[in-house]
Amino acid sequence: MSIPAPTTSSPDLEMVYVENLHDADYLDGKQEVNDYSDLWGGLTADALGVEQSRRFILAVAEDYA
């Protein structure tokens, strides 16, 4: 998450929200934010596009119909 700073003299507030089965946490360390940002960038770069996703979901649904 990136929350814009209220003034131009202060930096934006950046943090990562991590949730699991029993807990959740906000991480705001610079390295943690950078690590999760890199991870998210890799996941979105590798993800299927909209049309490819639609075809994939339909194919899986046919296999289980």
C-alpha atoms as a PDB file:
ATOM      1  CA  MET A   1       0.000   0.000   0.000  1.00  0.00           C
ATOM      2  CA  SER A   2       1.130   3.495  -0.683  1.00  0.00           C
ATOM      3  CA  ILE A   3      -0.576   6.380   1.077  1.00  0.00           C
ATOM      4  CA  PRO A   4       0.223   9.813  -0.341  1.00  0.00           C
ATOM      5  CA  ALA A   5       1.935  12.180   2.069  1.00  0.00           C
ATOM      6  CA  PRO A   6      -0.186  15.067   3.326  1.00  0.00           C
ATOM      7  CA  THR A   7       2.545  17.524   2.314  1.00  0.00           C
ATOM      8  CA  THR A   8       5.239  17.614  -0.344  1.00  0.00           C
ATOM      9  CA  SER A   9       7.916  17.850   2.338  1.00  0.00           C
ATOM     10  CA  SER A  10       7.241  14.357   3.710  1.00  0.00           C
ATOM     11  CA  PRO A  11       7.522  10.995   1.899  1.00  0.00           C
ATOM     12  CA  ASP A  12       4.583   8.768   1.035  1.00  0.00           C
ATOM     13  CA  LEU A  13       3.767   6.086   3.602  1.00  0.00           C
ATOM     14  CA  GLU A  14       4.474   2.649   2.123  1.00  0.00           C
ATOM     15  CA  MET A  15       3.640  -0.644   3.805  1.00  0.00           C
ATOM     16  CA  VAL A  16       2.767  -4.256   3.102  1.00  0.00           C
ATOM     17  CA  TYR A  17      -0.286  -5.994   4.585  1.00  0.00           C
ATOM     18  CA  VAL A  18       0.335  -9.711   5.136  1.00  0.00           C
ATOM     19  CA  GLU A  19      -2.560 -11.946   6.138  1.00  0.00           C
ATOM     20  CA  ASN A  20      -2.653 -15.631   7.029  1.00  0.00           C
ATOM     21  CA  LEU A  21      -5.054 -18.053   8.692  1.00  0.00           C
ATOM     22  CA  HIS A  22      -4.530 -16.864  12.270  1.00  0.00           C
ATOM     23  CA  ASP A  23      -2.994 -13.411  12.057  1.00  0.00           C
ATOM     24  CA  ALA A  24      -2.249 -10.339   9.971  1.00  0.00           C
ATOM     25  CA  ASP A  25       0.544  -7.824  10.064  1.00  0.00           C
ATOM     26  CA  TYR A  26       1.613  -4.531   8.537  1.00  0.00           C
ATOM     27  CA  LEU A  27       5.260  -4.416   7.460  1.00  0.00           C
ATOM     28  CA  ASP A  28       6.767  -0.997   6.904  1.00  0.00           C
ATOM     29  CA  GLY A  29      10.503  -1.641   6.782  1.00  0.00           C
ATOM     30  CA  LYS A  30      12.113  -0.381   3.582  1.00  0.00           C
ATOM     31  CA  GLN A  31      13.636  -3.788   2.724  1.00  0.00           C
ATOM     32  CA  GLU A  32      10.378  -5.633   3.470  1.00  0.00           C
ATOM     33  CA  VAL A  33       8.388  -3.264   1.262  1.00  0.00           C
ATOM     34  CA  ASN A  34      10.974  -3.611  -1.528  1.00  0.00           C
ATOM     35  CA  ASP A  35      10.980  -7.436  -1.235  1.00  0.00           C
ATOM     36  CA  TYR A  36       7.193  -7.681  -1.464  1.00  0.00           C
ATOM     37  CA  SER A  37       7.085  -5.124  -4.263  1.00  0.00           C
ATOM     38  CA  ASP A  38       9.559  -7.216  -6.265  1.00  0.00           C
ATOM     39  CA  LEU A  39       7.573 -10.371  -5.523  1.00  0.00           C
ATOM     40  CA  TRP A  40       4.293  -8.763  -6.630  1.00  0.00           C
ATOM     41  CA  GLY A  41       5.925  -7.428  -9.781  1.00  0.00           C
ATOM     42  CA  GLY A  42       7.128 -10.917 -10.684  1.00  0.00           C
ATOM     43  CA  LEU A  43       3.726 -12.482 -10.039  1.00  0.00           C
ATOM     44  CA  THR A  44       1.876  -9.936 -12.157  1.00  0.00           C
ATOM     45  CA  ALA A  45       4.456 -10.215 -14.950  1.00  0.00           C
ATOM     46  CA  ASP A  46       3.994 -14.004 -15.052  1.00  0.00           C
ATOM     47  CA  ALA A  47       0.190 -13.944 -14.818  1.00  0.00           C
ATOM     48  CA  LEU A  48      -1.983 -14.830 -17.773  1.00  0.00           C
ATOM     49  CA  GLY A  49      -3.734 -12.039 -19.619  1.00  0.00           C
ATOM     50  CA  VAL A  50      -7.490 -11.533 -19.436  1.00  0.00           C
ATOM     51  CA  GLU A  51      -8.357 -13.612 -22.520  1.00  0.00           C
ATOM     52  CA  GLN A  52      -5.848 -16.351 -21.673  1.00  0.00           C
ATOM     53  CA  SER A  53      -7.262 -16.540 -18.140  1.00  0.00           C
ATOM     54  CA  ARG A  54     -10.803 -16.843 -19.480  1.00  0.00           C
ATOM     55  CA  ARG A  55      -9.820 -19.698 -21.811  1.00  0.00           C
ATOM     56  CA  PHE A  56      -7.872 -21.451 -19.035  1.00  0.00           C
ATOM     57  CA  ILE A  57     -10.787 -21.262 -16.579  1.00  0.00           C
ATOM     58  CA  LEU A  58     -13.234 -22.540 -19.200  1.00  0.00           C
ATOM     59  CA  ALA A  59     -10.911 -25.443 -20.049  1.00  0.00           C
ATOM     60  CA  VAL A  60     -10.567 -26.428 -16.388  1.00  0.00           C
ATOM     61  CA  ALA A  61     -14.337 -26.148 -15.905  1.00  0.00           C
ATOM     62  CA  GLU A  62     -14.901 -28.480 -18.867  1.00  0.00           C
ATOM     63  CA  ASP A  63     -12.532 -31.044 -17.359  1.00  0.00           C
ATOM     64  CA  TYR A  64     -14.630 -31.113 -14.168  1.00  0.00           C
ATOM     65  CA  ALA A  65     -18.064 -30.952 -15.780  1.00  0.00           C
END
